[in-house]
Amino acid sequence: MASSSTPVRPGRYLSLFLVLLVGAYLLVFLTGDKKPEPKLGIDLQGGTRVTLTARTPDGSRPTRESLDLAKRIIENRVDGLGVSGAEVIIDGDNLVITVPGNDGGEVRNVGQTARLYIRPVKFAMPALTPEQVAEPEELQKQLSGGLPGDPGA
């Protein structure tokens, strides 16, 4: 039996390969942030690295559980800043925070303790009962009489 005598044309395969290569190039470099430069990781673009050392009040070594808790807290704080690609790792008794890019100023403050201010509420509206919610006219009468503790009432 005779085999088919169609000649092999390497030019077709080469041109198909080049078209696919150009298509892949366009797909990778012209989509996304519209820059023909790839996004670099922290090892190539630089970034900020902050090391926090764990200390206990009595001077003993911190437990693994307390370091894990501190790591979760720091991760939540870094995530709250909206920083992408941040990494928090435990290295011995240290927490190492690594953030890519040049905007690491905020990350340096994640290890600081937050301050909470509590102040009294001088005038508050009482909670509404289901009857008051169901009858808005009655609620209006009660509100027009003034709030308890309101100096104008």
C-alpha atoms as a PDB file:
ATOM      1  CA  MET A   1       0.000   0.000   0.000  1.00  0.00           C
ATOM      2  CA  ALA A   2       1.265   3.400  -0.892  1.00  0.00           C
ATOM      3  CA  SER A   3       1.704   6.114   1.707  1.00  0.00           C
ATOM      4  CA  SER A   4       0.340   9.597   1.155  1.00  0.00           C
ATOM      5  CA  SER A   5       2.754  11.780  -0.661  1.00  0.00           C
ATOM      6  CA  THR A   6       1.923  15.153   0.898  1.00  0.00           C
ATOM      7  CA  PRO A   7       5.146  16.966   1.573  1.00  0.00           C
ATOM      8  CA  VAL A   8       5.953  18.120   5.095  1.00  0.00           C
ATOM      9  CA  ARG A   9       6.021  21.907   5.255  1.00  0.00           C
ATOM     10  CA  PRO A  10       8.006  23.105   8.262  1.00  0.00           C
ATOM     11  CA  GLY A  11       7.232  26.723   7.367  1.00  0.00           C
ATOM     12  CA  ARG A  12       3.602  26.274   8.403  1.00  0.00           C
ATOM     13  CA  TYR A  13       4.535  24.926  11.800  1.00  0.00           C
ATOM     14  CA  LEU A  14       7.107  27.658  12.319  1.00  0.00           C
ATOM     15  CA  SER A  15       4.649  30.416  11.408  1.00  0.00           C
ATOM     16  CA  LEU A  16       1.978  28.883  13.683  1.00  0.00           C
ATOM     17  CA  PHE A  17       4.515  28.789  16.526  1.00  0.00           C
ATOM     18  CA  LEU A  18       5.454  32.439  15.960  1.00  0.00           C
ATOM     19  CA  VAL A  19       1.790  33.520  15.914  1.00  0.00           C
ATOM     20  CA  LEU A  20       1.186  31.685  19.207  1.00  0.00           C
ATOM     21  CA  LEU A  21       4.330  33.225  20.702  1.00  0.00           C
ATOM     22  CA  VAL A  22       3.272  36.762  19.733  1.00  0.00           C
ATOM     23  CA  GLY A  23      -0.238  36.091  21.074  1.00  0.00           C
ATOM     24  CA  ALA A  24       1.159  34.903  24.408  1.00  0.00           C
ATOM     25  CA  TYR A  25       3.412  37.969  24.598  1.00  0.00           C
ATOM     26  CA  LEU A  26       0.484  40.301  23.962  1.00  0.00           C
ATOM     27  CA  LEU A  27      -1.661  38.467  26.489  1.00  0.00           C
ATOM     28  CA  VAL A  28       0.961  38.644  29.241  1.00  0.00           C
ATOM     29  CA  PHE A  29       2.379  42.123  28.787  1.00  0.00           C
ATOM     30  CA  LEU A  30      -0.521  44.159  27.437  1.00  0.00           C
ATOM     31  CA  THR A  31      -3.234  43.069  29.867  1.00  0.00           C
ATOM     32  CA  GLY A  32      -3.522  43.955  33.523  1.00  0.00           C
ATOM     33  CA  ASP A  33      -1.945  47.233  34.581  1.00  0.00           C
ATOM     34  CA  LYS A  34      -1.127  48.256  30.982  1.00  0.00           C
ATOM     35  CA  LYS A  35       2.599  48.340  31.648  1.00  0.00           C
ATOM     36  CA  PRO A  36       4.982  46.238  29.579  1.00  0.00           C
ATOM     37  CA  GLU A  37       6.953  45.491  32.738  1.00  0.00           C
ATOM     38  CA  PRO A  38       6.280  42.415  34.860  1.00  0.00           C
ATOM     39  CA  LYS A  39       5.401  42.886  38.529  1.00  0.00           C
ATOM     40  CA  LEU A  40       8.467  42.098  40.584  1.00  0.00           C
ATOM     41  CA  GLY A  41       8.494  40.283  43.897  1.00  0.00           C
ATOM     42  CA  ILE A  42      10.088  41.623  47.061  1.00  0.00           C
ATOM     43  CA  ASP A  43      13.401  39.970  46.204  1.00  0.00           C
ATOM     44  CA  LEU A  44      13.696  42.059  43.016  1.00  0.00           C
ATOM     45  CA  GLN A  45      11.776  45.283  43.672  1.00  0.00           C
ATOM     46  CA  GLY A  46      12.721  45.830  47.286  1.00  0.00           C
ATOM     47  CA  GLY A  47      10.427  46.556  50.159  1.00  0.00           C
ATOM     48  CA  THR A  48      10.201  46.992  53.890  1.00  0.00           C
ATOM     49  CA  ARG A  49      11.174  44.437  56.480  1.00  0.00           C
ATOM     50  CA  VAL A  50      10.242  44.995  60.117  1.00  0.00           C
ATOM     51  CA  THR A  51      11.396  42.676  62.903  1.00  0.00           C
ATOM     52  CA  LEU A  52       9.487  42.649  66.187  1.00  0.00           C
ATOM     53  CA  THR A  53      11.068  40.890  69.168  1.00  0.00           C
ATOM     54  CA  ALA A  54       8.718  39.192  71.622  1.00  0.00           C
ATOM     55  CA  ARG A  55       9.294  39.944  75.304  1.00  0.00           C
ATOM     56  CA  THR A  56       7.384  38.654  78.306  1.00  0.00           C
ATOM     57  CA  PRO A  57       6.883  40.683  81.514  1.00  0.00           C
ATOM     58  CA  ASP A  58       8.979  38.247  83.560  1.00  0.00           C
ATOM     59  CA  GLY A  59      11.769  37.961  80.978  1.00  0.00           C
ATOM     60  CA  SER A  60      11.129  34.305  80.067  1.00  0.00           C
ATOM     61  CA  ARG A  61      10.854  33.003  76.527  1.00  0.00           C
ATOM     62  CA  PRO A  62       7.415  33.498  74.952  1.00  0.00           C
ATOM     63  CA  THR A  63       5.377  30.364  74.313  1.00  0.00           C
ATOM     64  CA  ARG A  64       4.608  29.143  70.823  1.00  0.00           C
ATOM     65  CA  GLU A  65       0.896  29.840  71.405  1.00  0.00           C
ATOM     66  CA  SER A  66       1.557  33.468  72.340  1.00  0.00           C
ATOM     67  CA  LEU A  67       3.758  33.914  69.256  1.00  0.00           C
ATOM     68  CA  ASP A  68       1.040  32.402  67.047  1.00  0.00           C
ATOM     69  CA  LEU A  69      -1.530  34.755  68.588  1.00  0.00           C
ATOM     70  CA  ALA A  70       0.764  37.743  68.036  1.00  0.00           C
ATOM     71  CA  LYS A  71       1.328  36.620  64.435  1.00  0.00           C
ATOM     72  CA  ARG A  72      -2.433  36.470  63.768  1.00  0.00           C
ATOM     73  CA  ILE A  73      -2.917  39.926  65.304  1.00  0.00           C
ATOM     74  CA  ILE A  74      -0.102  41.430  63.215  1.00  0.00           C
ATOM     75  CA  GLU A  75      -1.427  39.724  60.054  1.00  0.00           C
ATOM     76  CA  ASN A  76      -4.867  41.238  60.696  1.00  0.00           C
ATOM     77  CA  ARG A  77      -3.323  44.682  61.167  1.00  0.00           C
ATOM     78  CA  VAL A  78      -1.264  44.410  57.974  1.00  0.00           C
ATOM     79  CA  ASP A  79      -4.292  43.131  56.033  1.00  0.00           C
ATOM     80  CA  GLY A  80      -6.275  46.071  57.415  1.00  0.00           C
ATOM     81  CA  LEU A  81      -3.782  48.435  55.802  1.00  0.00           C
ATOM     82  CA  GLY A  82      -4.659  46.974  52.408  1.00  0.00           C
ATOM     83  CA  VAL A  83      -1.095  45.938  51.635  1.00  0.00           C
ATOM     84  CA  SER A  84      -0.911  43.099  49.109  1.00  0.00           C
ATOM     85  CA  GLY A  85       1.836  40.520  49.196  1.00  0.00           C
ATOM     86  CA  ALA A  86       2.709  41.092  52.853  1.00  0.00           C
ATOM     87  CA  GLU A  87       4.154  38.198  54.810  1.00  0.00           C
ATOM     88  CA  VAL A  88       4.404  37.659  58.561  1.00  0.00           C
ATOM     89  CA  ILE A  89       6.605  34.820  59.801  1.00  0.00           C
ATOM     90  CA  ILE A  90       7.873  33.628  63.167  1.00  0.00           C
ATOM     91  CA  ASP A  91      11.661  33.435  63.401  1.00  0.00           C
ATOM     92  CA  GLY A  92      12.650  32.186  66.844  1.00  0.00           C
ATOM     93  CA  ASP A  93      11.358  34.818  69.294  1.00  0.00           C
ATOM     94  CA  ASN A  94      10.878  37.368  66.506  1.00  0.00           C
ATOM     95  CA  LEU A  95       8.012  38.257  64.206  1.00  0.00           C
ATOM     96  CA  VAL A  96       9.297  39.316  60.793  1.00  0.00           C
ATOM     97  CA  ILE A  97       6.964  41.431  58.642  1.00  0.00           C
ATOM     98  CA  THR A  98       7.930  41.734  54.982  1.00  0.00           C
ATOM     99  CA  VAL A  99       6.052  44.110  52.667  1.00  0.00           C
ATOM    100  CA  PRO A 100       6.899  44.609  48.979  1.00  0.00           C
ATOM    101  CA  GLY A 101       7.126  48.113  47.525  1.00  0.00           C
ATOM    102  CA  ASN A 102       8.259  51.436  48.868  1.00  0.00           C
ATOM    103  CA  ASP A 103       5.185  52.305  50.959  1.00  0.00           C
ATOM    104  CA  GLY A 104       6.305  50.606  54.161  1.00  0.00           C
ATOM    105  CA  GLY A 105       5.862  53.632  56.423  1.00  0.00           C
ATOM    106  CA  GLU A 106       2.528  52.433  57.776  1.00  0.00           C
ATOM    107  CA  VAL A 107       3.836  48.918  58.333  1.00  0.00           C
ATOM    108  CA  ARG A 108       6.439  50.173  60.784  1.00  0.00           C
ATOM    109  CA  ASN A 109       3.608  51.198  63.123  1.00  0.00           C
ATOM    110  CA  VAL A 110       1.737  47.858  63.231  1.00  0.00           C
ATOM    111  CA  GLY A 111       3.674  46.711  66.257  1.00  0.00           C
ATOM    112  CA  GLN A 112       2.591  49.665  68.373  1.00  0.00           C
ATOM    113  CA  THR A 113      -0.211  49.275  70.849  1.00  0.00           C
ATOM    114  CA  ALA A 114      -3.423  51.034  69.922  1.00  0.00           C
ATOM    115  CA  ARG A 115      -5.068  53.548  72.230  1.00  0.00           C
ATOM    116  CA  LEU A 116      -8.779  53.411  73.012  1.00  0.00           C
ATOM    117  CA  TYR A 117     -10.593  56.443  74.344  1.00  0.00           C
ATOM    118  CA  ILE A 118     -13.855  55.929  76.247  1.00  0.00           C
ATOM    119  CA  ARG A 119     -16.113  58.868  76.911  1.00  0.00           C
ATOM    120  CA  PRO A 120     -19.545  59.079  78.529  1.00  0.00           C
ATOM    121  CA  VAL A 121     -22.649  59.578  76.443  1.00  0.00           C
ATOM    122  CA  LYS A 122     -24.544  62.518  77.925  1.00  0.00           C
ATOM    123  CA  PHE A 123     -27.762  62.341  75.913  1.00  0.00           C
ATOM    124  CA  ALA A 124     -29.025  59.067  74.545  1.00  0.00           C
ATOM    125  CA  MET A 125     -32.280  58.079  72.947  1.00  0.00           C
ATOM    126  CA  PRO A 126     -33.988  55.172  74.727  1.00  0.00           C
ATOM    127  CA  ALA A 127     -34.477  51.921  72.849  1.00  0.00           C
ATOM    128  CA  LEU A 128     -37.773  51.574  71.017  1.00  0.00           C
ATOM    129  CA  THR A 129     -40.279  48.915  72.009  1.00  0.00           C
ATOM    130  CA  PRO A 130     -42.138  46.935  69.326  1.00  0.00           C
ATOM    131  CA  GLU A 131     -45.318  48.862  70.165  1.00  0.00           C
ATOM    132  CA  GLN A 132     -43.582  52.187  69.547  1.00  0.00           C
ATOM    133  CA  VAL A 133     -42.282  50.991  66.215  1.00  0.00           C
ATOM    134  CA  ALA A 134     -45.738  49.723  65.205  1.00  0.00           C
ATOM    135  CA  GLU A 135     -47.446  53.016  66.165  1.00  0.00           C
ATOM    136  CA  PRO A 136     -45.430  55.956  64.800  1.00  0.00           C
ATOM    137  CA  GLU A 137     -47.997  58.530  66.026  1.00  0.00           C
ATOM    138  CA  GLU A 138     -47.498  57.461  69.651  1.00  0.00           C
ATOM    139  CA  LEU A 139     -43.736  57.608  69.156  1.00  0.00           C
ATOM    140  CA  GLN A 140     -44.017  61.145  67.773  1.00  0.00           C
ATOM    141  CA  LYS A 141     -45.994  62.230  70.857  1.00  0.00           C
ATOM    142  CA  GLN A 142     -43.360  60.778  73.180  1.00  0.00           C
ATOM    143  CA  LEU A 143     -40.496  62.390  71.284  1.00  0.00           C
ATOM    144  CA  SER A 144     -42.134  65.811  71.175  1.00  0.00           C
ATOM    145  CA  GLY A 145     -42.246  65.775  74.979  1.00  0.00           C
ATOM    146  CA  GLY A 146     -38.433  65.631  75.108  1.00  0.00           C
ATOM    147  CA  LEU A 147     -35.940  62.957  75.983  1.00  0.00           C
ATOM    148  CA  PRO A 148     -35.241  61.866  79.543  1.00  0.00           C
ATOM    149  CA  GLY A 149     -32.270  63.836  80.772  1.00  0.00           C
ATOM    150  CA  ASP A 150     -32.654  66.411  78.002  1.00  0.00           C
ATOM    151  CA  PRO A 151     -32.066  69.868  79.530  1.00  0.00           C
ATOM    152  CA  GLY A 152     -34.699  71.384  77.227  1.00  0.00           C
ATOM    153  CA  ALA A 153     -37.486  69.066  78.490  1.00  0.00           C
END
